[in-house]
Amino acid sequence: MRFDRLLRGAALLALVVGYGGNAGAEEITVLTWNHASLAETYYNPAIAEFEAAHPGVKVKWLDRKGTEFNAFLQTQMVANATPDVVEFQGMLWLEYQDKGLIENMAPYLAKEPDVAARFDPKINDYWGIADGQWALPAQWGTTLLHYSIPAFKAAGISGPPKTWDEFMDYVARTTDPSKQQVGFISLNFDWAFWPMLATNGIELLNEDMTKAAFNTPKMKEVVTALADATAKGQISKTSWTGRWVEPNGEFADGRDAMYLAFYSSYSFFKSASKWVSPETLGTAQWPGGWTVPSPQAWSIMKDSKHPDLAWEFVKLMTSKKWAAKYGQIYALLSGNKEADAENVEYFKKNDPSAAEVLEANLGALDKITGAWKTPKNAEILGVRRRSGCASNRQLRASSATGPRTRTRSGSASPSAVGNGPSPIPDFTAETRPRTLLFRATSLASDATAASHFDAR
């Protein structure tokens, strides 16, 4: 759904329900991303500490699931009830920065260099653009390759793959139909696939992000290899038809030798697994070191009525104490250097596999992919496909019933965020990255699948 359309809908909803502005001169509102379960263990104690340090100030904490977050935030904005502090997921912040809706934190950091020193510059760069710092990390992590040590040993493999060819070889060697074990599974998120492409030298966009750059012979070669391996039962079809719960559950059941997943998957599949232990689970960076970040971060909204108090709240949440606390709850990195170093040592004693996950994330800062700094990110990835582009439901149906021939190709829809600094690339509905990858894999048995990737 387009950004401006969401705003218009939000304006109508605000009129219907009669939302008012922020209540009270000394109240700040904080909106978080799907953290309601952390009320007692994290947010309520942190808020109590903040309020004690700022007598007369109250914090109103709001939380929404990812599916509700954007529409809710925009409804609040239109109703003159913009939260003071917002915790954004991934690159969503950039759509708001592009509209001038987020406060630049660079002046605050310049005045308080001790706060700036908390963070690794390579991590902070994720939220840096146009000479500004538009958010500070709440959590940081990237894609990683988890693998079953017993499955590797049974196949005569001593460690994780270092190259793409080695990876594909391991996929075949660790597939064991007698054990109902396949060689590889991936989370099914548009951007999560990109380590597989980046390690093969495939770029999504040209240098100025105005044209598609991935429609190449190498892309055809890679997706054909993925398609063939899926057809042979060496790559789990759940990689292309599941989402979050299904791949995590399948790996937890011990049915896959390797798993490309975000850092946060570890706590989910470990809690559901009977086999995961330091002796059985290995974690490494993807071959070639390529990785996709999926962080969350604190931003101060431009319409905040109390920006200085909002800054004080961000400082508290990114302090060593609360960053370390958060990291220990979910076995995640916080982006605070001291807190993360402390937590690595904590987990080495209490959960060595989690420590391995954290250390692998800390080493994955030099080869970032899947994080293009363009406010057209949602349009580029085809999260909301229009103009003749198939929906997820249609694509999944094609996986079950066979190939479908599209009769309309259509051009890419207008920018999701208006007239930003980067024009929308010249994708057609047929050349959106997600559509391409899905066709290459879900139609793996179709001899015409590769024809969808003819290089131009």
Protein backbone atom coordinates (compact mmCIF):
# COMPACT_ATOMS: atom_id res chain seq x y z
CA MET A 1 0.00 0.00 0.00
CA ARG A 2 1.36 3.39 -0.97
CA PHE A 3 2.55 5.73 1.76
CA ASP A 4 0.33 8.61 0.65
CA ARG A 5 -2.69 6.30 0.39
CA LEU A 6 -2.08 5.13 3.93
CA LEU A 7 -1.97 8.73 5.10
CA ARG A 8 -5.28 9.54 3.40
CA GLY A 9 -6.86 6.49 5.02
CA ALA A 10 -5.39 7.46 8.34
CA ALA A 11 -6.86 10.95 8.05
CA LEU A 12 -10.34 9.49 7.47
CA LEU A 13 -9.99 7.09 10.40
CA ALA A 14 -8.83 9.93 12.65
CA LEU A 15 -11.97 11.90 11.82
CA VAL A 16 -14.19 8.89 12.46
CA VAL A 17 -12.75 7.91 15.83
CA GLY A 18 -11.94 11.46 16.94
CA TYR A 19 -8.37 11.01 18.06
CA GLY A 20 -6.95 13.94 19.98
CA GLY A 21 -3.42 15.24 20.38
CA ASN A 22 -0.86 14.13 22.92
CA ALA A 23 -2.36 14.63 26.35
CA GLY A 24 -0.46 16.58 28.96
CA ALA A 25 2.47 18.95 28.58
CA GLU A 26 4.85 16.51 30.28
CA GLU A 27 3.97 13.25 28.58
CA ILE A 28 5.99 11.57 25.88
CA THR A 29 4.64 8.74 23.75
CA VAL A 30 6.77 5.80 22.65
CA LEU A 31 5.71 3.39 19.91
CA THR A 32 7.48 0.02 19.64
CA TRP A 33 7.44 -2.77 17.08
CA ASN A 34 5.82 -6.00 18.31
CA HIS A 35 7.28 -5.93 21.85
CA ALA A 36 4.15 -6.29 23.97
CA SER A 37 5.52 -9.50 25.50
CA LEU A 38 8.41 -7.52 27.03
CA ALA A 39 6.21 -5.35 29.24
CA GLU A 40 7.09 -6.83 32.63
CA THR A 41 10.66 -7.89 31.93
CA TYR A 42 11.86 -4.82 30.06
CA TYR A 43 9.70 -1.84 29.18
CA ASN A 44 7.85 -1.24 32.43
CA PRO A 45 11.07 -1.25 34.52
CA ALA A 46 12.88 0.96 32.00
CA ILE A 47 9.99 3.43 31.87
CA ALA A 48 9.83 3.51 35.68
CA GLU A 49 13.51 4.40 35.79
CA PHE A 50 13.02 7.16 33.22
CA GLU A 51 10.07 8.66 35.06
CA ALA A 52 11.97 8.58 38.36
CA ALA A 53 14.85 10.46 36.74
CA HIS A 54 12.47 13.04 35.24
CA PRO A 55 9.91 14.02 37.94
CA GLY A 56 6.59 15.12 36.51
CA VAL A 57 7.17 13.35 33.18
CA LYS A 58 5.08 10.36 32.16
CA VAL A 59 5.75 7.89 29.35
CA LYS A 60 2.83 6.55 27.35
CA TRP A 61 3.97 3.28 25.80
CA LEU A 62 2.22 1.94 22.70
CA ASP A 63 3.04 -1.26 20.84
CA ARG A 64 1.78 -2.69 17.56
CA LYS A 65 2.45 -5.81 15.56
CA GLY A 66 4.32 -5.40 12.32
CA THR A 67 1.15 -5.87 10.26
CA GLU A 68 -0.52 -2.97 12.08
CA PHE A 69 2.44 -0.72 12.76
CA ASN A 70 2.62 1.52 9.70
CA ALA A 71 -1.09 2.24 9.42
CA PHE A 72 -1.34 2.92 13.16
CA LEU A 73 1.63 5.31 13.14
CA GLN A 74 0.25 7.26 10.22
CA THR A 75 -3.17 7.47 11.82
CA GLN A 76 -1.56 8.97 14.91
CA MET A 77 0.37 11.45 12.79
CA VAL A 78 -2.68 12.68 10.92
CA ALA A 79 -4.57 13.02 14.21
CA ASN A 80 -1.87 15.30 15.64
CA ALA A 81 -0.89 12.53 18.04
CA THR A 82 2.50 11.67 16.58
CA PRO A 83 4.55 9.57 19.00
CA ASP A 84 7.69 11.27 20.25
CA VAL A 85 9.83 8.15 19.91
CA VAL A 86 9.29 5.39 17.36
CA GLU A 87 11.08 2.06 17.09
CA PHE A 88 11.36 1.25 13.39
CA GLN A 89 12.00 -2.17 11.87
CA GLY A 90 14.46 -2.54 9.01
CA MET A 91 14.49 0.18 6.37
CA LEU A 92 11.02 1.50 7.18
CA TRP A 93 12.62 4.58 8.78
CA LEU A 94 13.81 5.73 5.37
CA GLU A 95 10.30 6.28 4.05
CA TYR A 96 9.66 8.68 6.92
CA GLN A 97 13.06 10.36 6.69
CA ASP A 98 12.46 10.94 2.98
CA LYS A 99 9.29 12.84 3.89
CA GLY A 100 11.08 14.94 6.50
CA LEU A 101 9.19 13.28 9.35
CA ILE A 102 12.16 12.15 11.49
CA GLU A 103 14.47 14.31 13.61
CA ASN A 104 18.16 14.29 12.75
CA MET A 105 20.04 12.99 15.81
CA ALA A 106 23.45 14.11 14.55
CA PRO A 107 23.33 17.41 16.50
CA TYR A 108 22.50 15.54 19.71
CA LEU A 109 25.38 13.13 19.15
CA ALA A 110 27.75 16.00 18.42
CA LYS A 111 26.88 17.57 21.79
CA GLU A 112 27.28 14.26 23.62
CA PRO A 113 30.21 12.37 22.09
CA ASP A 114 30.11 9.83 24.93
CA VAL A 115 26.72 8.71 23.61
CA ALA A 116 28.02 8.56 20.04
CA ALA A 117 30.91 6.40 21.23
CA ARG A 118 28.49 3.69 22.40
CA PHE A 119 27.94 2.43 18.88
CA ASP A 120 30.01 0.82 16.15
CA PRO A 121 30.09 3.30 13.24
CA LYS A 122 29.52 0.44 10.79
CA ILE A 123 26.26 -0.39 12.56
CA ASN A 124 25.16 3.23 12.87
CA ASP A 125 25.77 3.72 9.16
CA TYR A 126 22.62 1.68 8.47
CA TRP A 127 20.59 4.72 9.62
CA GLY A 128 22.89 7.35 8.16
CA ILE A 129 22.05 9.29 5.01
CA ALA A 130 22.14 12.90 3.81
CA ASP A 131 24.72 13.87 6.45
CA GLY A 132 22.34 12.83 9.20
CA GLN A 133 21.85 10.13 11.82
CA TRP A 134 18.17 9.30 11.77
CA ALA A 135 17.98 6.45 14.28
CA LEU A 136 20.06 4.65 16.90
CA PRO A 137 20.09 0.87 17.29
CA ALA A 138 17.65 -0.97 19.54
CA GLN A 139 18.78 -4.33 18.21
CA TRP A 140 21.19 -5.42 15.50
CA GLY A 141 21.64 -8.65 13.66
CA THR A 142 22.04 -10.18 10.24
CA THR A 143 21.42 -13.32 8.26
CA LEU A 144 23.56 -16.31 9.26
CA LEU A 145 24.05 -19.89 8.13
CA HIS A 146 23.14 -22.45 10.79
CA TYR A 147 24.09 -26.07 10.19
CA SER A 148 23.71 -29.49 11.75
CA ILE A 149 27.09 -30.78 12.86
CA PRO A 150 25.89 -34.43 12.89
CA ALA A 151 24.54 -34.08 9.34
CA PHE A 152 27.86 -32.61 8.22
CA LYS A 153 29.84 -35.39 9.89
CA ALA A 154 27.66 -38.05 8.28
CA ALA A 155 28.43 -36.51 4.89
CA GLY A 156 32.15 -36.27 5.62
CA ILE A 157 32.09 -32.47 5.93
CA SER A 158 34.22 -30.80 8.59
CA GLY A 159 33.00 -27.19 8.54
CA PRO A 160 30.72 -24.61 6.87
CA PRO A 161 31.02 -23.88 3.15
CA LYS A 162 33.34 -21.05 2.09
CA THR A 163 32.19 -20.61 -1.52
CA TRP A 164 28.97 -20.87 -3.51
CA ASP A 165 30.17 -24.02 -5.30
CA GLU A 166 31.05 -25.58 -1.97
CA PHE A 167 27.63 -24.66 -0.61
CA MET A 168 25.82 -26.31 -3.52
CA ASP A 169 28.01 -29.38 -3.12
CA TYR A 170 27.15 -29.58 0.58
CA VAL A 171 23.45 -29.21 -0.23
CA ALA A 172 23.62 -32.33 -2.36
CA ARG A 173 25.86 -34.32 0.00
CA THR A 174 23.80 -33.68 3.13
CA THR A 175 20.49 -34.62 1.53
CA ASP A 176 19.47 -38.03 2.86
CA PRO A 177 16.02 -39.30 1.81
CA SER A 178 16.34 -42.29 4.17
CA LYS A 179 16.35 -39.84 7.09
CA GLN A 180 13.85 -37.47 5.44
CA GLN A 181 16.63 -34.87 5.56
CA VAL A 182 17.18 -32.18 2.96
CA GLY A 183 20.35 -30.21 2.51
CA PHE A 184 19.07 -26.64 2.86
CA ILE A 185 16.19 -24.42 3.91
CA SER A 186 15.84 -20.62 3.98
CA LEU A 187 13.58 -18.12 5.62
CA ASN A 188 11.16 -16.80 3.04
CA PHE A 189 11.66 -13.03 3.14
CA ASP A 190 12.31 -10.95 0.03
CA TRP A 191 15.61 -9.54 1.23
CA ALA A 192 16.83 -12.65 3.06
CA PHE A 193 17.68 -14.38 -0.21
CA TRP A 194 20.24 -11.80 -1.22
CA PRO A 195 23.37 -13.36 0.33
CA MET A 196 22.90 -16.17 -2.21
CA LEU A 197 22.97 -13.64 -5.02
CA ALA A 198 25.59 -11.25 -3.68
CA THR A 199 28.11 -14.04 -3.24
CA ASN A 200 27.75 -14.61 -6.97
CA GLY A 201 28.42 -10.95 -7.80
CA ILE A 202 24.78 -10.15 -8.58
CA GLU A 203 23.64 -6.59 -7.89
CA LEU A 204 20.01 -5.54 -7.47
CA LEU A 205 20.46 -1.97 -8.75
CA ASN A 206 22.96 0.06 -10.67
CA GLU A 207 25.19 2.47 -8.75
CA ASP A 208 22.74 5.38 -8.67
CA MET A 209 19.80 3.03 -7.94
CA THR A 210 17.82 4.03 -11.02
CA LYS A 211 17.87 0.77 -13.00
CA ALA A 212 17.63 -2.94 -12.34
CA ALA A 213 21.00 -4.65 -12.56
CA PHE A 214 20.27 -8.26 -11.65
CA ASN A 215 18.81 -9.57 -14.91
CA THR A 216 22.05 -11.18 -16.06
CA PRO A 217 23.28 -14.58 -17.26
CA LYS A 218 24.74 -15.17 -13.78
CA MET A 219 21.35 -14.58 -12.18
CA LYS A 220 19.84 -17.11 -14.57
CA GLU A 221 22.55 -19.60 -13.66
CA VAL A 222 22.07 -19.19 -9.90
CA VAL A 223 18.28 -19.40 -9.83
CA THR A 224 18.35 -22.34 -12.21
CA ALA A 225 20.69 -24.13 -9.80
CA LEU A 226 18.28 -23.37 -6.93
CA ALA A 227 15.37 -24.57 -9.01
CA ASP A 228 17.11 -27.82 -9.92
CA ALA A 229 18.12 -28.52 -6.32
CA THR A 230 14.56 -27.89 -5.16
CA ALA A 231 13.18 -30.24 -7.80
CA LYS A 232 15.62 -32.94 -6.65
CA GLY A 233 14.49 -32.60 -3.04
CA GLN A 234 17.84 -31.14 -1.92
CA ILE A 235 16.34 -27.75 -0.99
CA SER A 236 13.17 -27.65 1.07
CA LYS A 237 10.15 -26.25 -0.74
CA THR A 238 9.29 -24.52 2.54
CA SER A 239 12.03 -22.05 1.59
CA TRP A 240 9.69 -20.67 -1.05
CA THR A 241 6.24 -21.34 0.43
CA GLY A 242 6.70 -20.75 4.17
CA ARG A 243 7.49 -17.53 5.94
CA TRP A 244 8.77 -17.46 9.54
CA VAL A 245 7.05 -20.13 11.61
CA GLU A 246 7.35 -22.91 9.02
CA PRO A 247 11.11 -22.74 8.29
CA ASN A 248 11.97 -22.28 11.97
CA GLY A 249 9.78 -25.23 12.88
CA GLU A 250 11.23 -27.45 10.18
CA PHE A 251 14.82 -26.74 11.18
CA ALA A 252 13.88 -27.26 14.83
CA ASP A 253 12.61 -30.73 13.88
CA GLY A 254 16.05 -31.61 12.50
CA ARG A 255 14.90 -32.07 8.91
CA ASP A 256 17.45 -29.74 7.30
CA ALA A 257 21.24 -29.77 7.28
CA MET A 258 21.67 -26.01 6.66
CA TYR A 259 19.48 -23.00 7.36
CA LEU A 260 19.82 -19.43 6.05
CA ALA A 261 18.04 -17.33 8.66
CA PHE A 262 18.05 -14.05 10.50
CA TYR A 263 19.90 -13.86 13.80
CA SER A 264 16.62 -13.78 15.71
CA SER A 265 15.65 -17.24 14.45
CA TYR A 266 18.03 -18.89 16.90
CA SER A 267 15.92 -18.37 20.02
CA PHE A 268 12.80 -19.52 18.16
CA PHE A 269 14.09 -22.78 16.72
CA LYS A 270 16.14 -23.58 19.83
CA SER A 271 13.09 -23.33 22.10
CA ALA A 272 11.20 -25.78 19.87
CA SER A 273 14.08 -28.18 19.29
CA LYS A 274 15.27 -31.31 21.07
CA TRP A 275 18.53 -31.59 19.14
CA VAL A 276 20.10 -28.11 19.30
CA SER A 277 23.15 -27.88 21.55
CA PRO A 278 26.72 -26.54 21.33
CA GLU A 279 27.78 -30.02 20.16
CA THR A 280 25.18 -30.29 17.40
CA LEU A 281 24.62 -26.76 16.05
CA GLY A 282 27.13 -24.74 14.09
CA THR A 283 26.73 -21.10 13.05
CA ALA A 284 28.74 -19.22 10.44
CA GLN A 285 28.54 -16.33 8.04
CA TRP A 286 27.24 -17.01 4.57
CA PRO A 287 29.92 -18.06 2.02
CA GLY A 288 31.83 -14.97 0.99
CA GLY A 289 30.76 -13.12 4.14
CA TRP A 290 27.65 -11.51 2.61
CA THR A 291 24.81 -10.76 4.97
CA VAL A 292 21.48 -8.95 5.23
CA PRO A 293 20.80 -6.90 8.37
CA SER A 294 17.36 -6.82 9.96
CA PRO A 295 17.64 -4.41 12.88
CA GLN A 296 15.31 -2.24 14.91
CA ALA A 297 16.14 1.32 15.90
CA TRP A 298 14.93 4.33 17.88
CA SER A 299 13.93 7.50 16.03
CA ILE A 300 12.65 10.85 17.28
CA MET A 301 9.75 12.11 15.21
CA LYS A 302 9.92 15.60 13.75
CA ASP A 303 6.52 16.51 15.22
CA SER A 304 7.55 15.54 18.75
CA LYS A 305 6.36 18.15 21.22
CA HIS A 306 9.17 17.18 23.58
CA PRO A 307 12.21 16.33 21.42
CA ASP A 308 14.71 16.82 24.23
CA LEU A 309 12.81 14.45 26.51
CA ALA A 310 12.54 12.04 23.59
CA TRP A 311 16.32 12.20 23.24
CA GLU A 312 16.73 11.45 26.94
CA PHE A 313 14.52 8.38 26.51
CA VAL A 314 16.55 7.16 23.53
CA LYS A 315 19.72 7.66 25.57
CA LEU A 316 18.32 5.53 28.36
CA MET A 317 17.22 2.68 26.10
CA THR A 318 20.58 2.58 24.32
CA SER A 319 22.59 2.75 27.54
CA LYS A 320 24.73 -0.22 28.50
CA LYS A 321 22.33 -1.30 31.25
CA TRP A 322 19.17 -1.52 29.18
CA ALA A 323 20.89 -2.59 25.97
CA ALA A 324 22.49 -5.52 27.80
CA LYS A 325 19.19 -6.41 29.45
CA TYR A 326 17.41 -6.53 26.12
CA GLY A 327 20.19 -8.54 24.51
CA GLN A 328 20.04 -11.18 27.21
CA ILE A 329 16.27 -11.64 26.92
CA TYR A 330 16.39 -12.64 23.26
CA ALA A 331 20.07 -13.52 22.75
CA LEU A 332 20.44 -10.56 20.39
CA LEU A 333 22.92 -7.80 19.76
CA SER A 334 21.86 -4.34 20.88
CA GLY A 335 24.29 -2.19 18.91
CA ASN A 336 25.86 -0.88 22.13
CA LYS A 337 29.49 -2.04 21.94
CA GLU A 338 30.04 -2.51 25.68
CA ALA A 339 26.70 -4.23 26.23
CA ASP A 340 27.27 -6.61 23.33
CA ALA A 341 30.78 -7.52 24.48
CA GLU A 342 29.40 -8.18 27.96
CA ASN A 343 26.61 -10.36 26.57
CA VAL A 344 28.98 -12.43 24.45
CA GLU A 345 30.82 -13.35 27.63
CA TYR A 346 27.52 -13.95 29.43
CA PHE A 347 26.33 -16.38 26.78
CA LYS A 348 29.67 -18.17 26.56
CA LYS A 349 28.95 -19.27 30.12
CA ASN A 350 25.20 -19.78 29.82
CA ASP A 351 24.47 -20.62 26.16
CA PRO A 352 27.58 -21.20 24.00
CA SER A 353 25.52 -21.56 20.81
CA ALA A 354 23.98 -18.12 21.40
CA ALA A 355 27.48 -16.68 21.92
CA GLU A 356 28.49 -18.15 18.56
CA VAL A 357 25.48 -16.46 16.94
CA LEU A 358 26.39 -13.08 18.48
CA GLU A 359 30.04 -13.34 17.46
CA ALA A 360 29.11 -14.29 13.90
CA ASN A 361 26.87 -11.21 13.74
CA LEU A 362 29.63 -8.94 15.02
CA GLY A 363 31.90 -10.21 12.26
CA ALA A 364 29.36 -9.53 9.53
CA LEU A 365 29.67 -5.78 9.09
CA ASP A 366 31.77 -5.39 5.95
CA LYS A 367 29.67 -7.07 3.27
CA ILE A 368 26.11 -5.82 3.65
CA THR A 369 23.48 -6.55 1.02
CA GLY A 370 19.69 -6.34 0.95
CA ALA A 371 19.75 -2.92 2.62
CA TRP A 372 19.52 -0.42 -0.19
CA LYS A 373 19.18 3.15 1.00
CA THR A 374 16.22 4.13 -1.08
CA PRO A 375 12.76 5.09 0.19
CA LYS A 376 11.39 2.98 -2.65
CA ASN A 377 12.51 -0.21 -0.90
CA ALA A 378 9.02 -1.70 -0.68
CA GLU A 379 8.35 -0.96 -4.34
CA ILE A 380 11.67 -2.40 -5.47
CA LEU A 381 11.08 -5.66 -3.65
CA GLY A 382 7.51 -5.90 -4.85
CA VAL A 383 6.07 -6.32 -1.35
CA ARG A 384 2.83 -4.89 -2.68
CA ARG A 385 2.60 -6.02 -6.27
CA ARG A 386 0.30 -4.11 -8.59
CA SER A 387 0.01 -3.45 -12.32
CA GLY A 388 -0.47 -7.09 -13.24
CA CYS A 389 2.07 -8.52 -10.83
CA ALA A 390 1.01 -11.73 -9.10
CA SER A 391 0.17 -11.81 -5.41
CA ASN A 392 1.79 -14.17 -2.93
CA ARG A 393 -1.40 -16.21 -2.96
CA GLN A 394 -1.30 -16.58 -6.74
CA LEU A 395 2.36 -17.49 -6.72
CA ARG A 396 1.86 -20.09 -4.02
CA ALA A 397 -1.03 -21.52 -5.98
CA SER A 398 1.23 -21.86 -8.99
CA SER A 399 3.64 -23.84 -6.87
CA ALA A 400 0.92 -26.34 -6.10
CA THR A 401 -0.85 -26.55 -9.45
CA GLY A 402 1.83 -25.88 -12.00
CA PRO A 403 3.03 -22.89 -13.99
CA ARG A 404 0.78 -20.01 -14.92
CA THR A 405 1.43 -17.79 -17.90
CA ARG A 406 1.06 -14.11 -17.20
CA THR A 407 -0.71 -12.08 -19.89
CA ARG A 408 0.11 -8.62 -18.52
CA SER A 409 3.49 -7.33 -17.54
CA GLY A 410 2.79 -3.74 -16.52
CA SER A 411 5.32 -1.19 -15.38
CA ALA A 412 6.38 -0.57 -11.82
CA SER A 413 3.93 1.47 -9.78
CA PRO A 414 4.72 5.01 -8.62
CA SER A 415 6.93 5.60 -5.62
CA ALA A 416 5.52 4.51 -2.29
CA VAL A 417 6.69 7.72 -0.70
CA GLY A 418 6.26 10.51 -3.21
CA ASN A 419 9.05 12.51 -4.78
CA GLY A 420 12.09 11.27 -2.89
CA PRO A 421 15.73 11.52 -3.93
CA SER A 422 15.81 8.18 -5.79
CA PRO A 423 13.53 7.47 -8.78
CA ILE A 424 11.86 4.08 -8.91
CA PRO A 425 13.96 1.60 -10.91
CA ASP A 426 12.64 0.41 -14.26
CA PHE A 427 11.28 -2.92 -13.05
CA THR A 428 8.34 -4.50 -14.76
CA ALA A 429 6.04 -6.85 -12.92
CA GLU A 430 7.94 -9.74 -14.48
CA THR A 431 11.34 -8.58 -13.24
CA ARG A 432 10.73 -7.89 -9.58
CA PRO A 433 13.37 -9.79 -7.58
CA ARG A 434 10.90 -11.68 -5.41
CA THR A 435 8.84 -12.76 -8.40
CA LEU A 436 11.96 -13.97 -10.17
CA LEU A 437 13.23 -15.97 -7.22
CA PHE A 438 9.88 -17.52 -6.51
CA ARG A 439 9.37 -18.59 -10.10
CA ALA A 440 12.84 -20.09 -10.27
CA THR A 441 12.17 -22.28 -7.27
CA SER A 442 8.45 -22.99 -7.00
CA LEU A 443 8.33 -23.93 -10.69
CA ALA A 444 11.50 -25.96 -10.36
CA SER A 445 10.14 -28.95 -12.27
CA ASP A 446 8.95 -26.82 -15.17
CA ALA A 447 11.35 -26.90 -18.07
CA THR A 448 10.33 -23.36 -19.02
CA ALA A 449 11.20 -21.88 -15.61
CA ALA A 450 14.60 -20.68 -16.76
CA SER A 451 13.02 -18.83 -19.67
CA HIS A 452 11.68 -16.25 -17.20
CA PHE A 453 15.27 -15.13 -16.60
CA ASP A 454 16.49 -14.47 -20.10
CA ALA A 455 19.21 -11.84 -19.77
CA ARG A 456 18.73 -8.57 -21.56
